[in-house]
Amino acid sequence: MTSGASGEGKTFVTINLAMSVAISGKKTVIVSLDLRKPKVGRYLEQEETRAGMTTYLIGETNIENIVQPSGSTPICILSPAGDPAQSGGIAHARPHKELFDYLRAHFDFILIDTPPVGLVSDALLLNEYLNGALFIVRFGQTKRNVLQFVEDLQREKKLSKLALVFNGVKSRGKYGYGYGYGYGYGYGYGYYVEDDKKGKRNAV
């Protein structure tokens, strides 16, 4: 999952998609690789530990030590722990093949929350490991010129099987939902609800 800028719903989409897949019985893991502004662990009430993605990426721990259950939801998380700045970003991290080989051997679905590709190139560096990529655009916030950027990514094949997710569309249905969602689920798990934000001019 990536986007053009912060606040467009990458983590929102990642968590809700992961919950949907995990509740269906698939072993699911979220890899939190937005190292500069990690949110996944906080939203899923993950316990703070000394070991996490940052310590793995700089070679201070093994993969087995950083796969953590999320607590109230049936998914696992690989989330930053400690100082995210220590990793130096994805570009300066240890090779990723070992990580993804391990995850593919232990999970059915791997969802990666990456930094906005419009700000840093980290997401592009993972392309060789991806089966597909979702680019999140947000109603009333994402600038129209970002769509040209997405088209360039598709044409130049910088992200595999790139698709758009249009997030935060204002519903006019009888339930009157705003920009976020509040659906409950019969299995006792709730979907993460995104904060409401005002729209901006020149946005999609």
C-alpha atoms as a PDB file:
ATOM      1  CA  MET A   1       0.000   0.000   0.000  1.00  0.00           C
ATOM      2  CA  THR A   2       1.286   3.438  -0.889  1.00  0.00           C
ATOM      3  CA  SER A   3      -0.006   6.913  -1.710  1.00  0.00           C
ATOM      4  CA  GLY A   4       1.123  10.305  -2.919  1.00  0.00           C
ATOM      5  CA  ALA A   5       1.277  11.953   0.498  1.00  0.00           C
ATOM      6  CA  SER A   6       0.545  11.369   4.170  1.00  0.00           C
ATOM      7  CA  GLY A   7      -3.021  11.307   5.452  1.00  0.00           C
ATOM      8  CA  GLU A   8      -4.647   9.639   2.439  1.00  0.00           C
ATOM      9  CA  GLY A   9      -5.505   6.374   4.178  1.00  0.00           C
ATOM     10  CA  LYS A  10      -2.698   3.871   3.535  1.00  0.00           C
ATOM     11  CA  THR A  11      -2.754   2.464   7.040  1.00  0.00           C
ATOM     12  CA  PHE A  12      -6.561   2.613   7.168  1.00  0.00           C
ATOM     13  CA  VAL A  13      -6.840   0.477   4.021  1.00  0.00           C
ATOM     14  CA  THR A  14      -4.037  -1.860   5.095  1.00  0.00           C
ATOM     15  CA  ILE A  15      -5.591  -2.638   8.479  1.00  0.00           C
ATOM     16  CA  ASN A  16      -9.140  -3.105   7.210  1.00  0.00           C
ATOM     17  CA  LEU A  17      -8.038  -5.286   4.313  1.00  0.00           C
ATOM     18  CA  ALA A  18      -5.907  -7.360   6.680  1.00  0.00           C
ATOM     19  CA  MET A  19      -8.841  -7.815   9.048  1.00  0.00           C
ATOM     20  CA  SER A  20     -11.154  -8.884   6.235  1.00  0.00           C
ATOM     21  CA  VAL A  21      -8.681 -11.480   5.008  1.00  0.00           C
ATOM     22  CA  ALA A  22      -7.738 -12.740   8.478  1.00  0.00           C
ATOM     23  CA  ILE A  23     -11.345 -13.161   9.592  1.00  0.00           C
ATOM     24  CA  SER A  24     -11.905 -15.409   6.557  1.00  0.00           C
ATOM     25  CA  GLY A  25      -9.361 -17.805   8.055  1.00  0.00           C
ATOM     26  CA  LYS A  26      -6.211 -16.836   6.161  1.00  0.00           C
ATOM     27  CA  LYS A  27      -2.945 -16.377   8.038  1.00  0.00           C
ATOM     28  CA  THR A  28      -2.256 -12.679   7.574  1.00  0.00           C
ATOM     29  CA  VAL A  29       0.618 -10.386   8.444  1.00  0.00           C
ATOM     30  CA  ILE A  30       1.060  -6.621   8.139  1.00  0.00           C
ATOM     31  CA  VAL A  31       4.613  -5.427   7.502  1.00  0.00           C
ATOM     32  CA  SER A  32       4.903  -1.858   8.758  1.00  0.00           C
ATOM     33  CA  LEU A  33       7.578  -0.323   6.553  1.00  0.00           C
ATOM     34  CA  ASP A  34       6.546   3.315   6.839  1.00  0.00           C
ATOM     35  CA  LEU A  35       9.524   3.664   9.148  1.00  0.00           C
ATOM     36  CA  ARG A  36       9.418   7.438   9.432  1.00  0.00           C
ATOM     37  CA  LYS A  37       5.765   7.622  10.564  1.00  0.00           C
ATOM     38  CA  PRO A  38       4.724   4.142  11.744  1.00  0.00           C
ATOM     39  CA  LYS A  39       1.059   3.852  12.790  1.00  0.00           C
ATOM     40  CA  VAL A  40       0.020   0.218  12.423  1.00  0.00           C
ATOM     41  CA  GLY A  41       1.183  -0.973  15.843  1.00  0.00           C
ATOM     42  CA  ARG A  42      -0.466   1.932  17.640  1.00  0.00           C
ATOM     43  CA  TYR A  43      -3.831   1.502  15.911  1.00  0.00           C
ATOM     44  CA  LEU A  44      -3.917  -2.219  16.656  1.00  0.00           C
ATOM     45  CA  GLU A  45      -2.797  -1.739  20.255  1.00  0.00           C
ATOM     46  CA  GLN A  46       0.385  -3.713  19.785  1.00  0.00           C
ATOM     47  CA  GLU A  47       2.508  -4.029  22.884  1.00  0.00           C
ATOM     48  CA  GLU A  48       5.791  -2.149  22.743  1.00  0.00           C
ATOM     49  CA  THR A  49       8.827  -4.424  22.533  1.00  0.00           C
ATOM     50  CA  ARG A  50      12.519  -3.879  22.055  1.00  0.00           C
ATOM     51  CA  ALA A  51      12.546  -5.938  18.845  1.00  0.00           C
ATOM     52  CA  GLY A  52      10.812  -4.791  15.661  1.00  0.00           C
ATOM     53  CA  MET A  53      11.333  -3.948  12.010  1.00  0.00           C
ATOM     54  CA  THR A  54      13.943  -1.320  12.758  1.00  0.00           C
ATOM     55  CA  THR A  55      16.071  -3.674  14.847  1.00  0.00           C
ATOM     56  CA  TYR A  56      15.708  -6.397  12.199  1.00  0.00           C
ATOM     57  CA  LEU A  57      16.649  -4.091   9.321  1.00  0.00           C
ATOM     58  CA  ILE A  58      19.869  -3.012  11.006  1.00  0.00           C
ATOM     59  CA  GLY A  59      20.756  -6.632  11.766  1.00  0.00           C
ATOM     60  CA  GLU A  60      20.248  -6.659  15.535  1.00  0.00           C
ATOM     61  CA  THR A  61      17.557  -9.359  15.700  1.00  0.00           C
ATOM     62  CA  ASN A  62      16.114 -12.285  13.730  1.00  0.00           C
ATOM     63  CA  ILE A  63      12.789 -12.439  11.900  1.00  0.00           C
ATOM     64  CA  GLU A  64      11.347 -14.925  14.387  1.00  0.00           C
ATOM     65  CA  ASN A  65      11.720 -12.343  17.154  1.00  0.00           C
ATOM     66  CA  ILE A  66       9.718  -9.608  15.459  1.00  0.00           C
ATOM     67  CA  VAL A  67       6.513 -11.381  14.339  1.00  0.00           C
ATOM     68  CA  GLN A  68       4.007 -10.216  16.951  1.00  0.00           C
ATOM     69  CA  PRO A  69       0.289 -10.959  17.399  1.00  0.00           C
ATOM     70  CA  SER A  70      -1.870  -7.843  17.262  1.00  0.00           C
ATOM     71  CA  GLY A  71      -3.916  -8.673  20.346  1.00  0.00           C
ATOM     72  CA  SER A  72      -7.622  -8.174  19.622  1.00  0.00           C
ATOM     73  CA  THR A  73      -7.481  -9.103  15.929  1.00  0.00           C
ATOM     74  CA  PRO A  74      -6.461 -12.377  14.229  1.00  0.00           C
ATOM     75  CA  ILE A  75      -3.461 -10.944  12.408  1.00  0.00           C
ATOM     76  CA  CYS A  76       0.245 -10.576  13.072  1.00  0.00           C
ATOM     77  CA  ILE A  77       2.325  -7.430  12.717  1.00  0.00           C
ATOM     78  CA  LEU A  78       5.919  -6.683  11.886  1.00  0.00           C
ATOM     79  CA  SER A  79       6.090  -3.161  13.228  1.00  0.00           C
ATOM     80  CA  PRO A  80       8.884  -0.683  13.987  1.00  0.00           C
ATOM     81  CA  ALA A  81      10.203  -0.630  17.518  1.00  0.00           C
ATOM     82  CA  GLY A  82      12.720   1.754  19.036  1.00  0.00           C
ATOM     83  CA  ASP A  83      13.955   4.710  17.022  1.00  0.00           C
ATOM     84  CA  PRO A  84      12.744   4.456  13.376  1.00  0.00           C
ATOM     85  CA  ALA A  85      15.601   6.729  12.317  1.00  0.00           C
ATOM     86  CA  GLN A  86      18.073   3.966  13.164  1.00  0.00           C
ATOM     87  CA  SER A  87      17.128   1.959  10.091  1.00  0.00           C
ATOM     88  CA  GLY A  88      18.096   4.701   7.640  1.00  0.00           C
ATOM     89  CA  GLY A  89      15.046   3.814   5.553  1.00  0.00           C
ATOM     90  CA  ILE A  90      14.438   0.804   3.344  1.00  0.00           C
ATOM     91  CA  ALA A  91      17.194   1.749   0.918  1.00  0.00           C
ATOM     92  CA  HIS A  92      19.879   1.300   3.568  1.00  0.00           C
ATOM     93  CA  ALA A  93      18.426  -1.837   5.148  1.00  0.00           C
ATOM     94  CA  ARG A  94      19.667  -5.407   5.020  1.00  0.00           C
ATOM     95  CA  PRO A  95      18.532  -7.485   1.990  1.00  0.00           C
ATOM     96  CA  HIS A  96      14.784  -8.177   1.888  1.00  0.00           C
ATOM     97  CA  LYS A  97      14.803 -11.605   0.229  1.00  0.00           C
ATOM     98  CA  GLU A  98      15.308 -13.374   3.555  1.00  0.00           C
ATOM     99  CA  LEU A  99      12.381 -11.477   5.067  1.00  0.00           C
ATOM    100  CA  PHE A 100       9.902 -12.202   2.291  1.00  0.00           C
ATOM    101  CA  ASP A 101      10.983 -15.822   1.893  1.00  0.00           C
ATOM    102  CA  TYR A 102      10.214 -16.312   5.584  1.00  0.00           C
ATOM    103  CA  LEU A 103       6.854 -14.531   5.395  1.00  0.00           C
ATOM    104  CA  ARG A 104       5.736 -16.464   2.316  1.00  0.00           C
ATOM    105  CA  ALA A 105       6.555 -19.711   4.087  1.00  0.00           C
ATOM    106  CA  HIS A 106       4.478 -18.794   7.172  1.00  0.00           C
ATOM    107  CA  PHE A 107       1.587 -16.616   5.942  1.00  0.00           C
ATOM    108  CA  ASP A 108      -1.114 -16.726   3.269  1.00  0.00           C
ATOM    109  CA  PHE A 109      -1.331 -12.947   2.849  1.00  0.00           C
ATOM    110  CA  ILE A 110       1.375 -10.310   3.353  1.00  0.00           C
ATOM    111  CA  LEU A 111       0.271  -6.669   3.377  1.00  0.00           C
ATOM    112  CA  ILE A 112       2.968  -3.988   3.385  1.00  0.00           C
ATOM    113  CA  ASP A 113       2.306  -0.463   4.640  1.00  0.00           C
ATOM    114  CA  THR A 114       5.000   1.622   2.917  1.00  0.00           C
ATOM    115  CA  PRO A 115       5.798   5.348   2.960  1.00  0.00           C
ATOM    116  CA  PRO A 116       4.033   7.588   0.419  1.00  0.00           C
ATOM    117  CA  VAL A 117       5.812   7.010  -2.877  1.00  0.00           C
ATOM    118  CA  GLY A 118       5.230  10.665  -3.724  1.00  0.00           C
ATOM    119  CA  LEU A 119       7.573  11.652  -0.870  1.00  0.00           C
ATOM    120  CA  VAL A 120      10.215   8.898  -0.763  1.00  0.00           C
ATOM    121  CA  SER A 121      11.102   6.060  -3.130  1.00  0.00           C
ATOM    122  CA  ASP A 122      11.081   3.270  -0.526  1.00  0.00           C
ATOM    123  CA  ALA A 123       7.988   1.546  -1.952  1.00  0.00           C
ATOM    124  CA  LEU A 124       9.586   1.280  -5.405  1.00  0.00           C
ATOM    125  CA  LEU A 125      12.568  -0.572  -3.938  1.00  0.00           C
ATOM    126  CA  LEU A 126      10.253  -3.412  -2.892  1.00  0.00           C
ATOM    127  CA  ASN A 127       8.715  -3.950  -6.327  1.00  0.00           C
ATOM    128  CA  GLU A 128      10.595  -7.162  -7.098  1.00  0.00           C
ATOM    129  CA  TYR A 129       8.963  -8.813  -4.077  1.00  0.00           C
ATOM    130  CA  LEU A 130       5.381  -7.710  -4.792  1.00  0.00           C
ATOM    131  CA  ASN A 131       2.478  -9.550  -6.352  1.00  0.00           C
ATOM    132  CA  GLY A 132       0.571  -6.279  -6.631  1.00  0.00           C
ATOM    133  CA  ALA A 133       0.402  -2.696  -5.390  1.00  0.00           C
ATOM    134  CA  LEU A 134      -2.485  -0.494  -4.243  1.00  0.00           C
ATOM    135  CA  PHE A 135      -2.146   3.285  -4.586  1.00  0.00           C
ATOM    136  CA  ILE A 136      -4.491   5.071  -2.185  1.00  0.00           C
ATOM    137  CA  VAL A 137      -6.126   8.329  -3.267  1.00  0.00           C
ATOM    138  CA  ARG A 138      -8.493  10.204  -0.984  1.00  0.00           C
ATOM    139  CA  PHE A 139     -11.626  12.073  -1.944  1.00  0.00           C
ATOM    140  CA  GLY A 140     -11.250  15.801  -1.381  1.00  0.00           C
ATOM    141  CA  GLN A 141      -7.574  15.590  -0.483  1.00  0.00           C
ATOM    142  CA  THR A 142      -5.389  13.941  -3.139  1.00  0.00           C
ATOM    143  CA  LYS A 143      -4.297  16.498  -5.730  1.00  0.00           C
ATOM    144  CA  ARG A 144      -5.391  15.827  -9.314  1.00  0.00           C
ATOM    145  CA  ASN A 145      -1.823  15.954 -10.619  1.00  0.00           C
ATOM    146  CA  VAL A 146      -1.027  12.879  -8.511  1.00  0.00           C
ATOM    147  CA  LEU A 147      -3.090  10.837 -10.972  1.00  0.00           C
ATOM    148  CA  GLN A 148      -0.562  11.650 -13.693  1.00  0.00           C
ATOM    149  CA  PHE A 149       2.154  10.431 -11.361  1.00  0.00           C
ATOM    150  CA  VAL A 150       0.239   7.170 -10.873  1.00  0.00           C
ATOM    151  CA  GLU A 151      -0.100   6.804 -14.650  1.00  0.00           C
ATOM    152  CA  ASP A 152       3.669   7.267 -14.998  1.00  0.00           C
ATOM    153  CA  LEU A 153       4.294   4.558 -12.402  1.00  0.00           C
ATOM    154  CA  GLN A 154       2.010   2.220 -14.339  1.00  0.00           C
ATOM    155  CA  ARG A 155       3.500   3.000 -17.757  1.00  0.00           C
ATOM    156  CA  GLU A 156       7.081   2.629 -16.516  1.00  0.00           C
ATOM    157  CA  LYS A 157       6.174  -0.540 -14.575  1.00  0.00           C
ATOM    158  CA  LYS A 158       7.722   0.753 -11.375  1.00  0.00           C
ATOM    159  CA  LEU A 159       5.041  -0.959  -9.264  1.00  0.00           C
ATOM    160  CA  SER A 160       3.657  -4.395 -10.089  1.00  0.00           C
ATOM    161  CA  LYS A 161      -0.022  -4.701 -11.073  1.00  0.00           C
ATOM    162  CA  LEU A 162      -0.770  -1.209  -9.822  1.00  0.00           C
ATOM    163  CA  ALA A 163      -4.389  -0.450  -8.885  1.00  0.00           C
ATOM    164  CA  LEU A 164      -6.120   2.575  -7.361  1.00  0.00           C
ATOM    165  CA  VAL A 165      -8.192   2.604  -4.179  1.00  0.00           C
ATOM    166  CA  PHE A 166     -10.511   5.623  -3.900  1.00  0.00           C
ATOM    167  CA  ASN A 167     -10.750   6.219  -0.151  1.00  0.00           C
ATOM    168  CA  GLY A 168     -13.068   8.458   1.851  1.00  0.00           C
ATOM    169  CA  VAL A 169     -15.886   8.893  -0.664  1.00  0.00           C
ATOM    170  CA  LYS A 170     -18.731  10.710   1.039  1.00  0.00           C
ATOM    171  CA  SER A 171     -21.790   8.487   1.204  1.00  0.00           C
ATOM    172  CA  ARG A 172     -25.263   9.839   0.540  1.00  0.00           C
ATOM    173  CA  GLY A 173     -26.976   6.677   1.742  1.00  0.00           C
ATOM    174  CA  LYS A 174     -29.593   6.472   4.459  1.00  0.00           C
ATOM    175  CA  TYR A 175     -26.963   5.779   7.121  1.00  0.00           C
ATOM    176  CA  GLY A 176     -25.252   9.099   6.462  1.00  0.00           C
ATOM    177  CA  TYR A 177     -21.651   7.901   6.737  1.00  0.00           C
ATOM    178  CA  GLY A 178     -19.046  10.625   6.280  1.00  0.00           C
ATOM    179  CA  TYR A 179     -15.495  10.215   5.054  1.00  0.00           C
ATOM    180  CA  GLY A 180     -14.688   7.355   7.399  1.00  0.00           C
ATOM    181  CA  TYR A 181     -16.340   4.014   7.930  1.00  0.00           C
ATOM    182  CA  GLY A 182     -17.803   2.421  11.016  1.00  0.00           C
ATOM    183  CA  TYR A 183     -18.918  -1.042  10.006  1.00  0.00           C
ATOM    184  CA  GLY A 184     -19.001  -3.696  12.706  1.00  0.00           C
ATOM    185  CA  TYR A 185     -18.369  -7.371  12.017  1.00  0.00           C
ATOM    186  CA  GLY A 186     -20.257 -10.401  13.312  1.00  0.00           C
ATOM    187  CA  TYR A 187     -17.149 -12.149  14.573  1.00  0.00           C
ATOM    188  CA  GLY A 188     -16.584  -9.528  17.243  1.00  0.00           C
ATOM    189  CA  TYR A 189     -13.897  -7.597  15.404  1.00  0.00           C
ATOM    190  CA  GLY A 190     -14.370  -3.944  14.490  1.00  0.00           C
ATOM    191  CA  TYR A 191     -12.984  -2.178  11.485  1.00  0.00           C
ATOM    192  CA  TYR A 192     -10.546   0.645  12.123  1.00  0.00           C
ATOM    193  CA  VAL A 193     -12.340   3.989  11.725  1.00  0.00           C
ATOM    194  CA  GLU A 194     -10.496   6.780   9.995  1.00  0.00           C
ATOM    195  CA  ASP A 195     -10.545  10.347  11.254  1.00  0.00           C
ATOM    196  CA  ASP A 196     -12.754  12.706   9.289  1.00  0.00           C
ATOM    197  CA  LYS A 197     -10.914  15.413   7.391  1.00  0.00           C
ATOM    198  CA  LYS A 198     -12.087  18.430   5.417  1.00  0.00           C
ATOM    199  CA  GLY A 199     -11.672  18.359   1.653  1.00  0.00           C
ATOM    200  CA  LYS A 200      -9.194  20.549  -0.171  1.00  0.00           C
ATOM    201  CA  ARG A 201      -9.424  22.415  -3.460  1.00  0.00           C
ATOM    202  CA  ASN A 202      -7.884  20.944  -6.635  1.00  0.00           C
ATOM    203  CA  ALA A 203      -8.318  17.478  -5.231  1.00  0.00           C
ATOM    204  CA  VAL A 204      -9.897  14.362  -6.718  1.00  0.00           C
END
